[in-house]
């Protein structure tokens, strides 16, 4: 009888330990944004297809590469407005912004003639607010 008690206690302990570990891991994954990232790739792809977002970011990087100061607050406010439809309440819009910003900055950094690219993207006419005005 004693042997059966130990085996039963062992099986119950393993089942409880496994259940507790599963619940704990799910909470850790959820707290780090893993659960809210479902569909991240398709969401990021939709954002990359929006020229107003990528062009704005490329223009901002081209302006910075030319040594100009940009209006970061204005840029971030416009980006937040454009990315609001992609927010799922778990910071997805922020992660998409970081991804898209890296992508657009990579494009801008890979351009050899940044001055010509700034004109080709029509940055001054599309985003006249982008460059910070010196007072």
N, C-alpha and C. Protein backbone atom coordinates (compact mmCIF):
# COMPACT_ATOMS: atom_id res chain seq x y z
N UNK A 1 0.82 -1.19 0.00
CA UNK A 1 0.00 0.00 0.00
C UNK A 1 0.86 1.25 0.00
N UNK A 2 1.94 1.21 0.72
CA UNK A 2 2.81 2.36 0.82
C UNK A 2 3.42 2.72 -0.53
N UNK A 3 3.79 1.72 -1.30
CA UNK A 3 4.37 1.94 -2.62
C UNK A 3 3.36 2.62 -3.55
N UNK A 4 2.10 2.23 -3.48
CA UNK A 4 1.04 2.82 -4.30
C UNK A 4 0.82 4.28 -3.92
N UNK A 5 0.94 4.63 -2.65
CA UNK A 5 0.79 6.02 -2.21
C UNK A 5 1.90 6.89 -2.78
N UNK A 6 3.13 6.37 -2.76
CA UNK A 6 4.25 7.14 -3.30
C UNK A 6 4.12 7.35 -4.80
N UNK A 7 3.70 6.36 -5.51
CA UNK A 7 3.52 6.47 -6.97
C UNK A 7 2.42 7.47 -7.28
N UNK A 8 1.31 7.39 -6.55
CA UNK A 8 0.19 8.33 -6.76
C UNK A 8 0.62 9.75 -6.44
N UNK A 9 1.32 9.92 -5.35
CA UNK A 9 1.81 11.25 -4.96
C UNK A 9 2.78 11.80 -6.01
N UNK A 10 3.65 10.94 -6.53
CA UNK A 10 4.59 11.35 -7.57
C UNK A 10 3.86 11.80 -8.83
N UNK A 11 2.88 11.04 -9.28
CA UNK A 11 2.12 11.38 -10.50
C UNK A 11 1.35 12.68 -10.31
N UNK A 12 0.72 12.86 -9.17
CA UNK A 12 -0.01 14.10 -8.88
C UNK A 12 0.96 15.28 -8.86
N UNK A 13 2.13 15.11 -8.26
CA UNK A 13 3.14 16.17 -8.21
C UNK A 13 3.64 16.56 -9.60
N UNK A 14 3.87 15.57 -10.44
CA UNK A 14 4.32 15.84 -11.81
C UNK A 14 3.23 16.60 -12.58
N UNK A 15 1.98 16.18 -12.43
CA UNK A 15 0.88 16.85 -13.13
C UNK A 15 0.71 18.29 -12.64
N UNK A 16 0.78 18.50 -11.33
CA UNK A 16 0.66 19.86 -10.79
C UNK A 16 1.85 20.72 -11.22
N UNK A 17 3.04 20.17 -11.17
CA UNK A 17 4.23 20.91 -11.60
C UNK A 17 4.18 21.30 -13.06
N UNK A 18 3.74 20.39 -13.89
CA UNK A 18 3.61 20.66 -15.32
C UNK A 18 2.57 21.74 -15.57
N UNK A 19 1.46 21.66 -14.88
CA UNK A 19 0.40 22.67 -15.05
C UNK A 19 0.88 24.03 -14.59
N UNK A 20 1.53 24.09 -13.46
CA UNK A 20 2.05 25.35 -12.94
C UNK A 20 3.10 25.95 -13.88
N UNK A 21 3.99 25.12 -14.40
CA UNK A 21 5.02 25.59 -15.34
C UNK A 21 4.37 26.14 -16.61
N UNK A 22 3.36 25.46 -17.12
CA UNK A 22 2.67 25.91 -18.34
C UNK A 22 2.01 27.27 -18.11
N UNK A 23 1.30 27.41 -17.01
CA UNK A 23 0.62 28.67 -16.71
C UNK A 23 1.64 29.80 -16.53
N UNK A 24 2.71 29.53 -15.82
CA UNK A 24 3.75 30.54 -15.59
C UNK A 24 4.39 30.97 -16.91
N UNK A 25 4.73 30.02 -17.76
CA UNK A 25 5.35 30.36 -19.05
C UNK A 25 4.40 31.16 -19.93
N UNK A 26 3.14 30.84 -19.91
CA UNK A 26 2.17 31.59 -20.70
C UNK A 26 2.09 33.04 -20.22
N UNK A 27 2.14 33.26 -18.91
CA UNK A 27 2.12 34.62 -18.38
C UNK A 27 3.38 35.38 -18.74
N UNK A 28 4.53 34.71 -18.71
CA UNK A 28 5.79 35.37 -19.08
C UNK A 28 5.76 35.76 -20.55
N UNK A 29 5.31 34.85 -21.40
CA UNK A 29 5.23 35.14 -22.83
C UNK A 29 4.28 36.30 -23.08
N UNK A 30 3.15 36.31 -22.42
CA UNK A 30 2.16 37.37 -22.61
C UNK A 30 2.70 38.71 -22.12
N UNK A 31 3.44 38.70 -21.00
CA UNK A 31 3.96 39.96 -20.47
C UNK A 31 5.05 40.54 -21.35
N UNK A 32 5.72 39.74 -22.12
CA UNK A 32 6.78 40.23 -23.00
C UNK A 32 6.25 40.58 -24.38
N UNK A 33 4.98 40.50 -24.61
CA UNK A 33 4.40 40.90 -25.88
C UNK A 33 4.28 39.78 -26.89
N UNK A 34 4.67 38.58 -26.51
CA UNK A 34 4.65 37.46 -27.45
C UNK A 34 3.25 37.12 -27.92
N UNK A 35 2.30 37.17 -27.01
CA UNK A 35 0.93 36.81 -27.39
C UNK A 35 0.32 37.88 -28.30
N UNK A 36 0.67 39.13 -28.09
CA UNK A 36 0.10 40.21 -28.88
C UNK A 36 0.75 40.38 -30.23
N UNK A 37 1.76 39.58 -30.52
CA UNK A 37 2.48 39.73 -31.78
C UNK A 37 1.93 38.82 -32.87
N UNK A 38 0.85 38.13 -32.59
CA UNK A 38 0.24 37.29 -33.62
C UNK A 38 -0.12 38.15 -34.83
N UNK A 39 0.35 37.77 -35.98
CA UNK A 39 0.07 38.52 -37.20
C UNK A 39 1.01 39.69 -37.41
N UNK A 40 2.14 39.72 -36.70
CA UNK A 40 3.07 40.85 -36.81
C UNK A 40 3.61 41.00 -38.23
N UNK A 41 3.99 39.90 -38.85
CA UNK A 41 4.61 39.97 -40.18
C UNK A 41 3.63 40.54 -41.20
N UNK A 42 2.41 40.08 -41.18
CA UNK A 42 1.43 40.60 -42.15
C UNK A 42 1.10 42.06 -41.85
N UNK A 43 1.05 42.43 -40.58
CA UNK A 43 0.79 43.82 -40.21
C UNK A 43 1.93 44.71 -40.67
N UNK A 44 3.16 44.29 -40.42
CA UNK A 44 4.32 45.07 -40.84
C UNK A 44 4.36 45.21 -42.35
N UNK A 45 3.99 44.17 -43.06
CA UNK A 45 3.97 44.23 -44.53
C UNK A 45 2.92 45.23 -45.02
N UNK A 46 1.76 45.28 -44.37
CA UNK A 46 0.74 46.26 -44.74
C UNK A 46 1.24 47.67 -44.53
N UNK A 47 1.96 47.89 -43.44
CA UNK A 47 2.50 49.22 -43.15
C UNK A 47 3.56 49.60 -44.18
N UNK A 48 4.41 48.64 -44.54
CA UNK A 48 5.46 48.93 -45.53
C UNK A 48 4.88 49.28 -46.90
N UNK A 49 3.69 48.83 -47.19
CA UNK A 49 3.05 49.15 -48.46
C UNK A 49 2.48 50.57 -48.48
N UNK A 50 2.40 51.20 -47.34
CA UNK A 50 1.89 52.58 -47.27
C UNK A 50 3.06 53.54 -47.52
N UNK A 51 3.06 54.13 -48.70
CA UNK A 51 4.16 55.00 -49.11
C UNK A 51 4.29 56.23 -48.22
N UNK A 52 3.18 56.75 -47.69
CA UNK A 52 3.28 57.95 -46.87
C UNK A 52 4.10 57.71 -45.60
N UNK A 53 4.08 56.48 -45.10
CA UNK A 53 4.86 56.16 -43.89
C UNK A 53 6.32 55.96 -44.25
N UNK A 54 6.58 55.10 -45.23
CA UNK A 54 7.98 54.81 -45.57
C UNK A 54 8.68 56.03 -46.16
N UNK A 55 7.99 56.78 -47.01
CA UNK A 55 8.61 57.98 -47.59
C UNK A 55 8.93 59.01 -46.52
N UNK A 56 8.03 59.17 -45.57
CA UNK A 56 8.26 60.13 -44.48
C UNK A 56 9.51 59.75 -43.69
N UNK A 57 9.66 58.46 -43.41
CA UNK A 57 10.81 58.01 -42.65
C UNK A 57 12.10 58.09 -43.46
N UNK A 58 12.03 57.75 -44.74
CA UNK A 58 13.22 57.87 -45.59
C UNK A 58 13.64 59.33 -45.68
N UNK A 59 12.68 60.22 -45.86
CA UNK A 59 12.99 61.65 -45.92
C UNK A 59 13.60 62.15 -44.61
N UNK A 60 13.10 61.66 -43.49
CA UNK A 60 13.66 62.11 -42.22
C UNK A 60 15.11 61.65 -42.08
N UNK A 61 15.41 60.44 -42.50
CA UNK A 61 16.79 59.95 -42.41
C UNK A 61 17.69 60.68 -43.40
N UNK A 62 17.19 60.96 -44.59
CA UNK A 62 17.98 61.71 -45.57
C UNK A 62 18.29 63.11 -45.05
N UNK A 63 17.31 63.73 -44.39
CA UNK A 63 17.53 65.06 -43.83
C UNK A 63 18.57 65.00 -42.71
N UNK A 64 18.49 63.99 -41.87
CA UNK A 64 19.47 63.85 -40.79
C UNK A 64 20.86 63.57 -41.35
N UNK A 65 20.94 62.78 -42.42
CA UNK A 65 22.23 62.47 -43.04
C UNK A 65 22.87 63.72 -43.63
N UNK A 66 22.04 64.68 -44.04
CA UNK A 66 22.56 65.94 -44.58
C UNK A 66 22.94 66.91 -43.46
N UNK A 67 22.76 66.52 -42.21
CA UNK A 67 23.13 67.36 -41.09
C UNK A 67 22.03 68.28 -40.61
N UNK A 68 20.81 68.10 -41.13
CA UNK A 68 19.69 68.93 -40.71
C UNK A 68 19.03 68.35 -39.47
N UNK A 69 18.49 69.22 -38.64
CA UNK A 69 17.71 68.78 -37.49
C UNK A 69 16.28 68.61 -37.95
N UNK A 70 15.64 67.55 -37.46
CA UNK A 70 14.26 67.31 -37.86
C UNK A 70 13.34 67.50 -36.66
N UNK A 71 12.07 67.71 -36.98
CA UNK A 71 11.04 67.88 -35.95
C UNK A 71 10.58 66.49 -35.51
N UNK A 72 11.28 65.93 -34.52
CA UNK A 72 10.98 64.57 -34.05
C UNK A 72 9.58 64.46 -33.46
N UNK A 73 9.15 65.48 -32.75
CA UNK A 73 7.82 65.44 -32.13
C UNK A 73 6.75 65.41 -33.21
N UNK A 74 6.88 66.27 -34.22
CA UNK A 74 5.92 66.28 -35.32
C UNK A 74 5.92 64.97 -36.09
N UNK A 75 7.12 64.42 -36.31
CA UNK A 75 7.24 63.15 -37.02
C UNK A 75 6.56 62.03 -36.23
N UNK A 76 6.85 61.96 -34.94
CA UNK A 76 6.27 60.90 -34.12
C UNK A 76 4.75 61.03 -33.99
N UNK A 77 4.26 62.26 -33.90
CA UNK A 77 2.80 62.45 -33.81
C UNK A 77 2.12 61.97 -35.10
N UNK A 78 2.70 62.30 -36.23
CA UNK A 78 2.11 61.86 -37.50
C UNK A 78 2.20 60.34 -37.65
N UNK A 79 3.33 59.77 -37.26
CA UNK A 79 3.47 58.31 -37.33
C UNK A 79 2.49 57.62 -36.39
N UNK A 80 2.32 58.15 -35.19
CA UNK A 80 1.35 57.56 -34.25
C UNK A 80 -0.05 57.58 -34.82
N UNK A 81 -0.41 58.68 -35.48
CA UNK A 81 -1.74 58.78 -36.09
C UNK A 81 -1.89 57.76 -37.22
N UNK A 82 -0.86 57.62 -38.04
CA UNK A 82 -0.94 56.68 -39.16
C UNK A 82 -0.92 55.22 -38.70
N UNK A 83 -0.27 54.95 -37.58
CA UNK A 83 -0.16 53.57 -37.10
C UNK A 83 -1.24 53.18 -36.10
N UNK A 84 -2.07 54.12 -35.70
CA UNK A 84 -3.13 53.83 -34.71
C UNK A 84 -4.06 52.68 -35.13
N UNK A 85 -4.42 52.57 -36.42
CA UNK A 85 -5.30 51.45 -36.80
C UNK A 85 -4.67 50.06 -36.58
N UNK A 86 -3.35 50.00 -36.44
CA UNK A 86 -2.67 48.72 -36.26
C UNK A 86 -2.44 48.37 -34.80
N UNK A 87 -2.87 49.22 -33.90
CA UNK A 87 -2.67 48.98 -32.47
C UNK A 87 -3.69 47.98 -31.98
N UNK A 88 -3.20 46.91 -31.36
CA UNK A 88 -4.10 45.88 -30.83
C UNK A 88 -4.19 45.94 -29.31
N UNK A 89 -3.67 47.02 -28.72
CA UNK A 89 -3.70 47.17 -27.28
C UNK A 89 -2.52 46.53 -26.57
N UNK A 90 -1.62 45.89 -27.32
CA UNK A 90 -0.46 45.25 -26.70
C UNK A 90 0.83 45.73 -27.35
N UNK A 91 0.88 47.00 -27.68
CA UNK A 91 2.06 47.68 -28.22
C UNK A 91 2.46 47.20 -29.61
N UNK A 92 1.55 46.62 -30.35
CA UNK A 92 1.90 46.17 -31.69
C UNK A 92 2.32 47.34 -32.57
N UNK A 93 1.62 48.47 -32.45
CA UNK A 93 1.95 49.64 -33.27
C UNK A 93 3.37 50.10 -32.98
N UNK A 94 3.80 50.05 -31.74
CA UNK A 94 5.16 50.44 -31.39
C UNK A 94 6.18 49.51 -32.04
N UNK A 95 5.94 48.20 -31.96
CA UNK A 95 6.87 47.24 -32.55
C UNK A 95 6.90 47.38 -34.08
N UNK A 96 5.76 47.63 -34.67
CA UNK A 96 5.72 47.85 -36.12
C UNK A 96 6.49 49.12 -36.47
N UNK A 97 6.32 50.17 -35.66
CA UNK A 97 7.06 51.41 -35.90
C UNK A 97 8.56 51.18 -35.85
N UNK A 98 9.03 50.44 -34.86
CA UNK A 98 10.46 50.16 -34.75
C UNK A 98 10.94 49.39 -35.97
N UNK A 99 10.18 48.41 -36.40
CA UNK A 99 10.55 47.60 -37.57
C UNK A 99 10.58 48.45 -38.83
N UNK A 100 9.53 49.21 -39.06
CA UNK A 100 9.43 50.02 -40.28
C UNK A 100 10.49 51.13 -40.28
N UNK A 101 10.75 51.70 -39.12
CA UNK A 101 11.78 52.75 -39.02
C UNK A 101 13.14 52.16 -39.40
N UNK A 102 13.45 51.00 -38.90
CA UNK A 102 14.71 50.33 -39.26
C UNK A 102 14.79 50.04 -40.74
N UNK A 103 13.68 49.60 -41.30
CA UNK A 103 13.63 49.30 -42.73
C UNK A 103 13.86 50.57 -43.56
N UNK A 104 13.13 51.63 -43.23
CA UNK A 104 13.24 52.88 -43.99
C UNK A 104 14.61 53.52 -43.82
N UNK A 105 15.15 53.48 -42.61
CA UNK A 105 16.48 54.04 -42.38
C UNK A 105 17.54 53.24 -43.13
N UNK A 106 17.34 51.94 -43.25
CA UNK A 106 18.25 51.10 -44.04
C UNK A 106 18.22 51.48 -45.51
N UNK A 107 17.02 51.76 -46.01
CA UNK A 107 16.90 52.21 -47.41
C UNK A 107 17.66 53.52 -47.58
N UNK A 108 17.41 54.46 -46.68
CA UNK A 108 18.05 55.78 -46.80
C UNK A 108 19.57 55.67 -46.66
N UNK A 109 20.05 54.82 -45.78
CA UNK A 109 21.49 54.67 -45.61
C UNK A 109 22.15 54.02 -46.82
N UNK A 110 21.41 53.20 -47.54
CA UNK A 110 22.00 52.50 -48.69
C UNK A 110 22.08 53.38 -49.94
N UNK A 111 21.42 54.53 -49.93
CA UNK A 111 21.43 55.43 -51.07
C UNK A 111 22.76 56.17 -51.08
N UNK A 112 23.42 56.16 -52.24
CA UNK A 112 24.73 56.82 -52.33
C UNK A 112 24.59 58.34 -52.39
N UNK A 113 23.78 58.84 -53.30
CA UNK A 113 23.62 60.29 -53.44
C UNK A 113 22.38 60.73 -52.67
N UNK A 114 22.59 61.04 -51.42
CA UNK A 114 21.47 61.37 -50.53
C UNK A 114 20.83 62.71 -50.89
N UNK A 115 21.61 63.65 -51.37
CA UNK A 115 21.07 64.95 -51.75
C UNK A 115 20.11 64.80 -52.93
N UNK A 116 20.51 64.03 -53.91
CA UNK A 116 19.65 63.79 -55.07
C UNK A 116 18.41 63.00 -54.66
N UNK A 117 18.59 62.03 -53.77
CA UNK A 117 17.45 61.24 -53.30
C UNK A 117 16.45 62.12 -52.55
N UNK A 118 16.96 63.08 -51.79
CA UNK A 118 16.08 64.01 -51.07
C UNK A 118 15.20 64.77 -52.07
N UNK A 119 15.79 65.14 -53.20
CA UNK A 119 15.01 65.82 -54.25
C UNK A 119 14.08 64.83 -54.96
N UNK A 120 14.57 63.63 -55.23
CA UNK A 120 13.75 62.62 -55.93
C UNK A 120 12.51 62.23 -55.11
N UNK A 121 12.67 62.12 -53.82
CA UNK A 121 11.54 61.81 -52.95
C UNK A 121 10.64 63.02 -52.74
N UNK A 122 11.06 64.18 -53.22
CA UNK A 122 10.32 65.44 -53.06
C UNK A 122 10.04 65.71 -51.58
N UNK A 123 11.05 65.48 -50.77
CA UNK A 123 10.90 65.61 -49.32
C UNK A 123 10.52 67.02 -48.90
N UNK A 124 11.12 68.03 -49.55
CA UNK A 124 10.84 69.41 -49.15
C UNK A 124 9.40 69.80 -49.46
N UNK A 125 8.84 69.30 -50.56
CA UNK A 125 7.46 69.66 -50.90
C UNK A 125 6.45 68.77 -50.18
N UNK A 126 6.78 67.47 -50.02
CA UNK A 126 5.84 66.57 -49.34
C UNK A 126 5.78 66.81 -47.84
N UNK A 127 6.94 67.10 -47.25
CA UNK A 127 7.04 67.24 -45.79
C UNK A 127 7.77 68.53 -45.43
N UNK A 128 7.17 69.67 -45.70
CA UNK A 128 7.86 70.93 -45.39
C UNK A 128 8.05 71.14 -43.88
N UNK A 129 7.27 70.50 -43.07
CA UNK A 129 7.33 70.60 -41.61
C UNK A 129 8.46 69.77 -41.04
N UNK A 130 9.04 68.87 -41.82
CA UNK A 130 9.98 67.88 -41.31
C UNK A 130 11.26 68.51 -40.72
N UNK A 131 11.82 69.47 -41.42
CA UNK A 131 13.04 70.08 -40.91
C UNK A 131 12.71 71.10 -39.83
N UNK A 132 13.43 71.01 -38.74
CA UNK A 132 13.21 71.90 -37.61
C UNK A 132 13.64 73.31 -38.00
N UNK A 133 12.80 74.26 -37.74
CA UNK A 133 13.10 75.66 -38.04
C UNK A 133 13.92 76.26 -36.90
N UNK A 134 15.04 76.85 -37.26
CA UNK A 134 15.89 77.50 -36.25
C UNK A 134 15.26 78.84 -35.87
N UNK A 135 15.24 79.15 -34.59
CA UNK A 135 14.64 80.39 -34.12
C UNK A 135 15.70 81.42 -33.89
